[in-house]
Protein backbone atom coordinates (compact mmCIF):
# COMPACT_ATOMS: atom_id res chain seq x y z
CA MET A 1 204.46 141.19 141.24
CA LYS A 2 202.03 138.84 142.58
CA PHE A 3 202.18 136.73 145.91
CA ALA A 4 200.32 134.57 147.85
CA VAL A 5 199.58 133.81 151.47
CA THR A 6 198.14 130.46 152.60
CA ASN A 7 195.26 131.16 154.62
CA MET A 8 193.60 129.36 157.35
CA ASP A 9 191.21 131.65 159.56
CA LYS A 10 193.05 134.64 158.97
CA ARG A 11 196.03 133.22 160.14
CA VAL A 12 199.14 131.43 157.84
CA SER A 13 198.15 127.92 157.23
CA PRO A 14 200.46 125.75 159.47
CA VAL A 15 201.30 123.74 156.50
CA PHE A 16 201.72 124.21 152.95
CA ASP A 17 201.06 121.18 151.50
CA VAL A 18 197.18 120.62 153.00
CA SER A 19 196.28 124.37 152.63
CA ARG A 20 192.76 124.90 151.40
CA TYR A 21 193.29 128.54 150.41
CA ILE A 22 195.39 131.27 149.36
CA ASP A 23 195.22 135.09 149.74
CA LEU A 24 196.51 136.81 146.64
CA TYR A 25 198.15 140.05 146.60
CA ASP A 26 199.96 142.38 144.43
CA SER A 27 202.98 144.49 145.38
CA GLU A 28 205.97 146.02 143.84
CA GLY A 29 207.98 143.72 145.93
CA TYR A 30 209.41 142.66 149.33
CA GLY A 31 209.35 145.94 151.51
CA HIS A 32 206.76 147.56 149.43
CA ASP A 33 202.81 148.12 150.05
CA ALA A 34 200.60 144.85 149.28
CA VAL A 35 197.22 145.14 147.82
CA PHE A 36 194.91 142.44 148.29
CA VAL A 37 193.12 141.10 145.43
CA SER A 38 191.26 137.79 146.15
CA THR A 39 191.24 134.49 148.07
CA TYR A 40 191.18 131.54 146.05
CA SER A 41 190.43 127.73 146.94
CA LEU A 42 193.64 125.52 146.43
CA PRO A 43 193.41 122.21 144.76
CA ALA A 44 193.96 118.99 147.06
CA SER A 45 197.16 117.64 145.77
CA LEU A 46 200.51 118.97 146.07
CA GLY A 47 201.13 119.06 142.56
CA GLU A 48 198.00 120.78 141.42
CA LYS A 49 198.34 123.41 144.13
CA VAL A 50 201.87 124.33 142.48
CA SER A 51 200.38 124.21 138.73
CA PHE A 52 197.67 126.67 140.14
CA LEU A 53 200.11 129.11 141.63
CA VAL A 54 202.21 128.90 138.26
CA GLU A 55 198.95 129.42 136.39
CA CYS A 56 198.34 132.52 138.12
CA ASP A 57 201.87 133.68 138.04
CA ILE A 58 202.56 133.81 141.58
CA ASN A 59 206.09 134.87 142.43
CA THR A 60 206.37 134.18 145.95
CA VAL A 61 204.51 132.20 148.52
CA ILE A 62 204.51 132.98 152.19
CA CYS A 63 203.42 129.97 154.07
CA GLY A 64 204.12 127.68 157.46
CA ALA A 65 205.93 124.25 157.16
CA LEU A 66 206.23 122.46 153.94
CA THR A 67 207.78 119.29 152.49
CA ARG A 68 210.98 119.26 150.74
CA GLU A 69 209.07 118.20 147.72
CA GLY A 70 206.60 121.05 147.95
CA GLU A 71 209.61 123.68 148.40
CA LEU A 72 211.85 122.18 145.61
CA SER A 73 208.56 122.27 143.36
CA LEU A 74 207.79 125.92 144.00
CA ILE A 75 211.41 127.11 143.73
CA CYS A 76 211.84 124.90 140.75
CA HIS A 77 209.13 126.88 139.09
CA ASP A 78 210.64 130.06 139.78
CA ILE A 79 208.17 130.79 142.66
CA GLU A 80 210.16 132.47 145.66
CA VAL A 81 209.32 130.95 149.11
CA TYR A 82 209.01 132.34 152.67
CA ALA A 83 208.42 129.36 154.52
CA PHE A 84 207.96 128.27 158.35
CA ILE A 85 206.04 131.71 158.88
CA ARG A 86 203.22 131.77 161.36
CA GLY A 87 201.30 134.83 162.39
CA SER A 88 197.78 136.35 161.39
CA VAL A 89 197.58 137.28 157.73
CA ASP A 90 197.37 140.85 158.53
CA GLU A 91 200.65 140.84 160.76
CA VAL A 92 202.32 138.97 157.87
CA ILE A 93 201.22 141.40 155.26
CA TYR A 94 202.49 144.27 157.49
CA ALA A 95 205.85 142.42 157.78
CA TRP A 96 206.01 142.05 154.22
CA GLU A 97 205.57 145.83 153.59
CA HIS A 98 208.22 146.52 156.19
CA ALA A 99 210.66 143.89 155.09
CA SER A 100 210.56 142.14 158.53
CA LEU A 101 209.31 138.74 157.75
CA GLY A 102 212.74 137.44 159.18
CA ASP A 103 211.57 138.49 162.60
CA ASP A 104 211.59 135.81 165.30
CA ARG A 105 207.93 136.39 166.00
CA PHE A 106 207.06 135.09 162.67
CA CYS A 107 209.14 131.91 163.17
CA LEU A 108 207.16 128.92 163.68
CA PRO A 109 208.08 127.01 167.03
CA GLY A 110 211.10 124.61 166.95
CA CYS A 111 212.68 126.70 163.96
CA VAL A 112 215.94 128.94 164.33
CA HIS A 113 214.76 131.34 161.86
CA THR A 114 212.34 131.53 158.80
CA HIS A 115 213.49 130.09 155.50
CA HIS A 116 213.63 132.05 152.18
CA HIS A 117 214.64 130.43 149.08
CA GLN A 118 214.17 131.33 145.20
CA GLY A 119 214.75 129.63 141.99
CA SER A 120 218.62 129.52 142.25
CA ASP A 121 218.22 127.15 145.16
CA CYS A 122 216.59 124.72 142.82
CA PRO A 123 218.86 121.41 142.52
CA GLU A 124 218.18 121.68 138.48
CA VAL A 125 219.39 125.17 138.25
CA ARG A 126 222.58 124.41 140.50
CA LYS A 127 223.35 121.37 138.29
CA GLU A 128 223.05 123.52 135.41
CA THR A 129 224.93 126.74 136.19
CA SER A 130 227.80 124.11 137.69
CA GLY A 131 227.94 122.16 134.09
CA ALA A 132 227.08 118.91 136.06
CA SER A 133 224.86 116.50 134.38
């Protein structure tokens, strides 16, 4: 699987929607080793950012804060989101490998805990599975 971490000066970017760079990693999943692949520049607009991540086959994004629109756009494209994460990219990768991203030290100030969402949290998916129209 591939996952991306928003990167600003070797720290998780504080806001996904205006992030300019991502670091791409390969991993067998949360709690497994991560192998750095490359750093990429992100497009400016939110829609273009999400499209870029989809084109890169990113399965998971680790980021700081993000708008509800950004969060929904990612999860509705089946991209798992670990949001409201802070810290150096190295510390966050270590936490990924040791399944400890939920530790309080990675939580942005003002947040009670980090947020983790996946495709089943998408309103369109919930609507389809509940039979609502």
